Amino acid sequence: MGGPDQDDMPRRRQVLEKPRFDGWDVGQLREYIAELQAEIARAEAGIEAREGHRAAAEAFFRKG
């Protein structure tokens, strides 16, 4: 079982399953694209948050 230290370890990136588009109609394809775009936006928000934290830390330590 995992201890408290395991919760702090980075998780491995999950490999996305690439669906087969055989039999998908245009609406299903557009819905899939919208889901992917939402996930991309979520990842980009995570990047921006981390960059903001890093910039704030660098500014703090420069002043110190």
PDB file of N, CA and C in Angstrom:
ATOM      1  N   MET A   1       0.829  -1.189   0.000  1.00  0.00           N
ATOM      2  CA  MET A   1       0.000   0.000   0.000  1.00  0.00           C
ATOM      3  C   MET A   1       0.867   1.244   0.000  1.00  0.00           C
ATOM      4  N   GLY A   2       0.314   2.318  -0.500  1.00  0.00           N
ATOM      5  CA  GLY A   2       1.071   3.547  -0.620  1.00  0.00           C
ATOM      6  C   GLY A   2       1.074   4.342   0.662  1.00  0.00           C
ATOM      7  N   GLY A   3       2.230   4.859   0.968  1.00  0.00           N
ATOM      8  CA  GLY A   3       2.354   5.707   2.135  1.00  0.00           C
ATOM      9  C   GLY A   3       2.206   7.158   1.746  1.00  0.00           C
ATOM     10  N   PRO A   4       2.374   8.036   2.706  1.00  0.00           N
ATOM     11  CA  PRO A   4       2.234   9.463   2.411  1.00  0.00           C
ATOM     12  C   PRO A   4       3.256   9.961   1.400  1.00  0.00           C
ATOM     13  N   ASP A   5       4.421   9.326   1.355  1.00  0.00           N
ATOM     14  CA  ASP A   5       5.443   9.757   0.406  1.00  0.00           C
ATOM     15  C   ASP A   5       5.024   9.489  -1.041  1.00  0.00           C
ATOM     16  N   GLN A   6       4.236   8.440  -1.257  1.00  0.00           N
ATOM     17  CA  GLN A   6       3.816   8.104  -2.611  1.00  0.00           C
ATOM     18  C   GLN A   6       2.872   9.147  -3.191  1.00  0.00           C
ATOM     19  N   ASP A   7       2.093   9.812  -2.348  1.00  0.00           N
ATOM     20  CA  ASP A   7       1.172  10.826  -2.827  1.00  0.00           C
ATOM     21  C   ASP A   7       1.909  12.022  -3.409  1.00  0.00           C
ATOM     22  N   ASP A   8       3.140  12.265  -2.960  1.00  0.00           N
ATOM     23  CA  ASP A   8       3.917  13.404  -3.437  1.00  0.00           C
ATOM     24  C   ASP A   8       4.695  13.102  -4.710  1.00  0.00           C
ATOM     25  N   MET A   9       4.760  11.845  -5.098  1.00  0.00           N
ATOM     26  CA  MET A   9       5.527  11.469  -6.287  1.00  0.00           C
ATOM     27  C   MET A   9       4.756  11.838  -7.546  1.00  0.00           C
ATOM     28  N   PRO A  10       5.457  12.283  -8.584  1.00  0.00           N
ATOM     29  CA  PRO A  10       4.767  12.613  -9.833  1.00  0.00           C
ATOM     30  C   PRO A  10       4.139  11.363 -10.438  1.00  0.00           C
ATOM     31  N   ARG A  11       3.000  11.545 -11.017  1.00  0.00           N
ATOM     32  CA  ARG A  11       2.306  10.417 -11.650  1.00  0.00           C
ATOM     33  C   ARG A  11       2.797  10.280 -13.084  1.00  0.00           C
ATOM     34  N   ARG A  12       2.785   9.060 -13.553  1.00  0.00           N
ATOM     35  CA  ARG A  12       3.161   8.823 -14.941  1.00  0.00           C
ATOM     36  C   ARG A  12       2.049   9.314 -15.846  1.00  0.00           C
ATOM     37  N   ARG A  13       2.425   9.896 -16.945  1.00  0.00           N
ATOM     38  CA  ARG A  13       1.438  10.382 -17.907  1.00  0.00           C
ATOM     39  C   ARG A  13       0.708   9.204 -18.508  1.00  0.00           C
ATOM     40  N   GLN A  14      -0.600   9.303 -18.537  1.00  0.00           N
ATOM     41  CA  GLN A  14      -1.419   8.248 -19.109  1.00  0.00           C
ATOM     42  C   GLN A  14      -1.365   8.344 -20.632  1.00  0.00           C
ATOM     43  N   VAL A  15      -1.145   7.241 -21.287  1.00  0.00           N
ATOM     44  CA  VAL A  15      -1.114   7.211 -22.742  1.00  0.00           C
ATOM     45  C   VAL A  15      -2.554   7.161 -23.231  1.00  0.00           C
ATOM     46  N   LEU A  16      -2.891   8.112 -24.094  1.00  0.00           N
ATOM     47  CA  LEU A  16      -4.246   8.171 -24.607  1.00  0.00           C
ATOM     48  C   LEU A  16      -4.464   7.096 -25.658  1.00  0.00           C
ATOM     49  N   GLU A  17      -5.598   6.456 -25.559  1.00  0.00           N
ATOM     50  CA  GLU A  17      -5.958   5.457 -26.556  1.00  0.00           C
ATOM     51  C   GLU A  17      -6.435   6.185 -27.806  1.00  0.00           C
ATOM     52  N   LYS A  18      -5.921   5.785 -28.934  1.00  0.00           N
ATOM     53  CA  LYS A  18      -6.301   6.422 -30.190  1.00  0.00           C
ATOM     54  C   LYS A  18      -7.485   5.657 -30.777  1.00  0.00           C
ATOM     55  N   PRO A  19      -8.653   6.303 -30.768  1.00  0.00           N
ATOM     56  CA  PRO A  19      -9.829   5.586 -31.268  1.00  0.00           C
ATOM     57  C   PRO A  19      -9.798   5.418 -32.779  1.00  0.00           C
ATOM     58  N   ARG A  20     -10.507   4.420 -33.227  1.00  0.00           N
ATOM     59  CA  ARG A  20     -10.689   4.233 -34.668  1.00  0.00           C
ATOM     60  C   ARG A  20     -11.925   5.013 -35.061  1.00  0.00           C
ATOM     61  N   PHE A  21     -11.838   5.743 -36.130  1.00  0.00           N
ATOM     62  CA  PHE A  21     -12.938   6.604 -36.542  1.00  0.00           C
ATOM     63  C   PHE A  21     -13.918   5.916 -37.488  1.00  0.00           C
ATOM     64  N   ASP A  22     -13.671   4.656 -37.794  1.00  0.00           N
ATOM     65  CA  ASP A  22     -14.597   3.917 -38.650  1.00  0.00           C
ATOM     66  C   ASP A  22     -15.984   3.936 -38.014  1.00  0.00           C
ATOM     67  N   GLY A  23     -16.965   4.354 -38.761  1.00  0.00           N
ATOM     68  CA  GLY A  23     -18.335   4.341 -38.276  1.00  0.00           C
ATOM     69  C   GLY A  23     -18.744   5.591 -37.511  1.00  0.00           C
ATOM     70  N   TRP A  24     -17.827   6.518 -37.290  1.00  0.00           N
ATOM     71  CA  TRP A  24     -18.173   7.763 -36.594  1.00  0.00           C
ATOM     72  C   TRP A  24     -18.791   8.719 -37.606  1.00  0.00           C
ATOM     73  N   ASP A  25     -19.845   9.402 -37.195  1.00  0.00           N
ATOM     74  CA  ASP A  25     -20.389  10.427 -38.080  1.00  0.00           C
ATOM     75  C   ASP A  25     -19.715  11.764 -37.783  1.00  0.00           C
ATOM     76  N   VAL A  26     -20.034  12.764 -38.578  1.00  0.00           N
ATOM     77  CA  VAL A  26     -19.390  14.066 -38.438  1.00  0.00           C
ATOM     78  C   VAL A  26     -19.632  14.648 -37.050  1.00  0.00           C
ATOM     79  N   GLY A  27     -20.832  14.508 -36.528  1.00  0.00           N
ATOM     80  CA  GLY A  27     -21.150  15.026 -35.198  1.00  0.00           C
ATOM     81  C   GLY A  27     -20.290  14.388 -34.116  1.00  0.00           C
ATOM     82  N   GLN A  28     -20.081  13.082 -34.204  1.00  0.00           N
ATOM     83  CA  GLN A  28     -19.234  12.394 -33.232  1.00  0.00           C
ATOM     84  C   GLN A  28     -17.787  12.851 -33.339  1.00  0.00           C
ATOM     85  N   LEU A  29     -17.321  13.063 -34.553  1.00  0.00           N
ATOM     86  CA  LEU A  29     -15.958  13.556 -34.744  1.00  0.00           C
ATOM     87  C   LEU A  29     -15.793  14.957 -34.173  1.00  0.00           C
ATOM     88  N   ARG A  30     -16.773  15.826 -34.396  1.00  0.00           N
ATOM     89  CA  ARG A  30     -16.705  17.190 -33.859  1.00  0.00           C
ATOM     90  C   ARG A  30     -16.744  17.159 -32.322  1.00  0.00           C
ATOM     91  N   GLU A  31     -17.539  16.288 -31.756  1.00  0.00           N
ATOM     92  CA  GLU A  31     -17.607  16.158 -30.296  1.00  0.00           C
ATOM     93  C   GLU A  31     -16.263  15.683 -29.736  1.00  0.00           C
ATOM     94  N   TYR A  32     -15.641  14.736 -30.408  1.00  0.00           N
ATOM     95  CA  TYR A  32     -14.331  14.239 -29.997  1.00  0.00           C
ATOM     96  C   TYR A  32     -13.288  15.355 -30.055  1.00  0.00           C
ATOM     97  N   ILE A  33     -13.320  16.151 -31.123  1.00  0.00           N
ATOM     98  CA  ILE A  33     -12.391  17.279 -31.254  1.00  0.00           C
ATOM     99  C   ILE A  33     -12.617  18.278 -30.126  1.00  0.00           C
ATOM    100  N   ALA A  34     -13.878  18.564 -29.806  1.00  0.00           N
ATOM    101  CA  ALA A  34     -14.183  19.502 -28.726  1.00  0.00           C
ATOM    102  C   ALA A  34     -13.639  18.988 -27.391  1.00  0.00           C
ATOM    103  N   GLU A  35     -13.755  17.689 -27.143  1.00  0.00           N
ATOM    104  CA  GLU A  35     -13.214  17.106 -25.913  1.00  0.00           C
ATOM    105  C   GLU A  35     -11.693  17.245 -25.867  1.00  0.00           C
ATOM    106  N   LEU A  36     -11.039  17.003 -26.988  1.00  0.00           N
ATOM    107  CA  LEU A  36      -9.581  17.147 -27.049  1.00  0.00           C
ATOM    108  C   LEU A  36      -9.165  18.595 -26.838  1.00  0.00           C
ATOM    109  N   GLN A  37      -9.897  19.523 -27.444  1.00  0.00           N
ATOM    110  CA  GLN A  37      -9.571  20.942 -27.266  1.00  0.00           C
ATOM    111  C   GLN A  37      -9.742  21.373 -25.814  1.00  0.00           C
ATOM    112  N   ALA A  38     -10.767  20.841 -25.143  1.00  0.00           N
ATOM    113  CA  ALA A  38     -10.971  21.154 -23.725  1.00  0.00           C
ATOM    114  C   ALA A  38      -9.814  20.608 -22.894  1.00  0.00           C
ATOM    115  N   GLU A  39      -9.336  19.437 -23.229  1.00  0.00           N
ATOM    116  CA  GLU A  39      -8.215  18.850 -22.488  1.00  0.00           C
ATOM    117  C   GLU A  39      -6.932  19.634 -22.747  1.00  0.00           C
ATOM    118  N   ILE A  40      -6.734  20.093 -23.969  1.00  0.00           N
ATOM    119  CA  ILE A  40      -5.574  20.922 -24.295  1.00  0.00           C
ATOM    120  C   ILE A  40      -5.629  22.221 -23.489  1.00  0.00           C
ATOM    121  N   ALA A  41      -6.794  22.839 -23.417  1.00  0.00           N
ATOM    122  CA  ALA A  41      -6.947  24.078 -22.652  1.00  0.00           C
ATOM    123  C   ALA A  41      -6.636  23.839 -21.174  1.00  0.00           C
ATOM    124  N   ARG A  42      -7.050  22.707 -20.647  1.00  0.00           N
ATOM    125  CA  ARG A  42      -6.776  22.372 -19.244  1.00  0.00           C
ATOM    126  C   ARG A  42      -5.277  22.205 -19.017  1.00  0.00           C
ATOM    127  N   ALA A  43      -4.599  21.547 -19.946  1.00  0.00           N
ATOM    128  CA  ALA A  43      -3.148  21.369 -19.834  1.00  0.00           C
ATOM    129  C   ALA A  43      -2.430  22.711 -19.938  1.00  0.00           C
ATOM    130  N   GLU A  44      -2.880  23.565 -20.844  1.00  0.00           N
ATOM    131  CA  GLU A  44      -2.257  24.886 -20.987  1.00  0.00           C
ATOM    132  C   GLU A  44      -2.460  25.729 -19.731  1.00  0.00           C
ATOM    133  N   ALA A  45      -3.616  25.604 -19.091  1.00  0.00           N
ATOM    134  CA  ALA A  45      -3.862  26.324 -17.836  1.00  0.00           C
ATOM    135  C   ALA A  45      -2.911  25.832 -16.748  1.00  0.00           C
ATOM    136  N   GLY A  46      -2.645  24.536 -16.741  1.00  0.00           N
ATOM    137  CA  GLY A  46      -1.688  23.987 -15.783  1.00  0.00           C
ATOM    138  C   GLY A  46      -0.290  24.526 -16.017  1.00  0.00           C
ATOM    139  N   ILE A  47       0.083  24.661 -17.264  1.00  0.00           N
ATOM    140  CA  ILE A  47       1.396  25.223 -17.605  1.00  0.00           C
ATOM    141  C   ILE A  47       1.474  26.671 -17.140  1.00  0.00           C
ATOM    142  N   GLU A  48       0.444  27.455 -17.443  1.00  0.00           N
ATOM    143  CA  GLU A  48       0.437  28.867 -17.046  1.00  0.00           C
ATOM    144  C   GLU A  48       0.524  29.013 -15.530  1.00  0.00           C
ATOM    145  N   ALA A  49      -0.189  28.170 -14.801  1.00  0.00           N
ATOM    146  CA  ALA A  49      -0.149  28.246 -13.335  1.00  0.00           C
ATOM    147  C   ALA A  49       1.255  27.944 -12.819  1.00  0.00           C
ATOM    148  N   ARG A  50       1.891  26.931 -13.373  1.00  0.00           N
ATOM    149  CA  ARG A  50       3.240  26.582 -12.930  1.00  0.00           C
ATOM    150  C   ARG A  50       4.244  27.669 -13.284  1.00  0.00           C
ATOM    151  N   GLU A  51       4.097  28.232 -14.470  1.00  0.00           N
ATOM    152  CA  GLU A  51       5.001  29.319 -14.860  1.00  0.00           C
ATOM    153  C   GLU A  51       4.793  30.539 -13.968  1.00  0.00           C
ATOM    154  N   GLY A  52       3.558  30.808 -13.596  1.00  0.00           N
ATOM    155  CA  GLY A  52       3.279  31.924 -12.700  1.00  0.00           C
ATOM    156  C   GLY A  52       3.889  31.717 -11.329  1.00  0.00           C
ATOM    157  N   HIS A  53       3.795  30.490 -10.820  1.00  0.00           N
ATOM    158  CA  HIS A  53       4.399  30.183  -9.518  1.00  0.00           C
ATOM    159  C   HIS A  53       5.916  30.336  -9.578  1.00  0.00           C
ATOM    160  N   ARG A  54       6.495  29.854 -10.659  1.00  0.00           N
ATOM    161  CA  ARG A  54       7.944  29.951 -10.810  1.00  0.00           C
ATOM    162  C   ARG A  54       8.383  31.410 -10.894  1.00  0.00           C
ATOM    163  N   ALA A  55       7.663  32.203 -11.667  1.00  0.00           N
ATOM    164  CA  ALA A  55       8.016  33.615 -11.805  1.00  0.00           C
ATOM    165  C   ALA A  55       7.900  34.336 -10.468  1.00  0.00           C
ATOM    166  N   ALA A  56       6.863  34.008  -9.709  1.00  0.00           N
ATOM    167  CA  ALA A  56       6.688  34.643  -8.399  1.00  0.00           C
ATOM    168  C   ALA A  56       7.825  34.250  -7.459  1.00  0.00           C
ATOM    169  N   ALA A  57       8.223  32.999  -7.489  1.00  0.00           N
ATOM    170  CA  ALA A  57       9.318  32.546  -6.634  1.00  0.00           C
ATOM    171  C   ALA A  57      10.634  33.210  -7.053  1.00  0.00           C
ATOM    172  N   GLU A  58      10.880  33.306  -8.345  1.00  0.00           N
ATOM    173  CA  GLU A  58      12.107  33.957  -8.807  1.00  0.00           C
ATOM    174  C   GLU A  58      12.132  35.431  -8.403  1.00  0.00           C
ATOM    175  N   ALA A  59      11.006  36.100  -8.508  1.00  0.00           N
ATOM    176  CA  ALA A  59      10.939  37.508  -8.112  1.00  0.00           C
ATOM    177  C   ALA A  59      11.171  37.663  -6.616  1.00  0.00           C
ATOM    178  N   PHE A  60      10.615  36.756  -5.839  1.00  0.00           N
ATOM    179  CA  PHE A  60      10.786  36.809  -4.380  1.00  0.00           C
ATOM    180  C   PHE A  60      12.246  36.662  -3.995  1.00  0.00           C
ATOM    181  N   PHE A  61      12.910  35.702  -4.601  1.00  0.00           N
ATOM    182  CA  PHE A  61      14.295  35.438  -4.220  1.00  0.00           C
ATOM    183  C   PHE A  61      15.265  36.474  -4.792  1.00  0.00           C
ATOM    184  N   ARG A  62      14.906  37.143  -5.869  1.00  0.00           N
ATOM    185  CA  ARG A  62      15.741  38.218  -6.395  1.00  0.00           C
ATOM    186  C   ARG A  62      15.754  39.419  -5.459  1.00  0.00           C
ATOM    187  N   LYS A  63      14.596  39.684  -4.849  1.00  0.00           N
ATOM    188  CA  LYS A  63      14.490  40.832  -3.945  1.00  0.00           C
ATOM    189  C   LYS A  63      15.190  40.589  -2.628  1.00  0.00           C
ATOM    190  N   GLY A  64      15.226  39.314  -2.205  1.00  0.00           N
ATOM    191  CA  GLY A  64      15.735  38.937  -0.894  1.00  0.00           C
ATOM    192  C   GLY A  64      17.155  39.196  -0.726  1.00  0.00           C
TER     193      GLY A  64
END
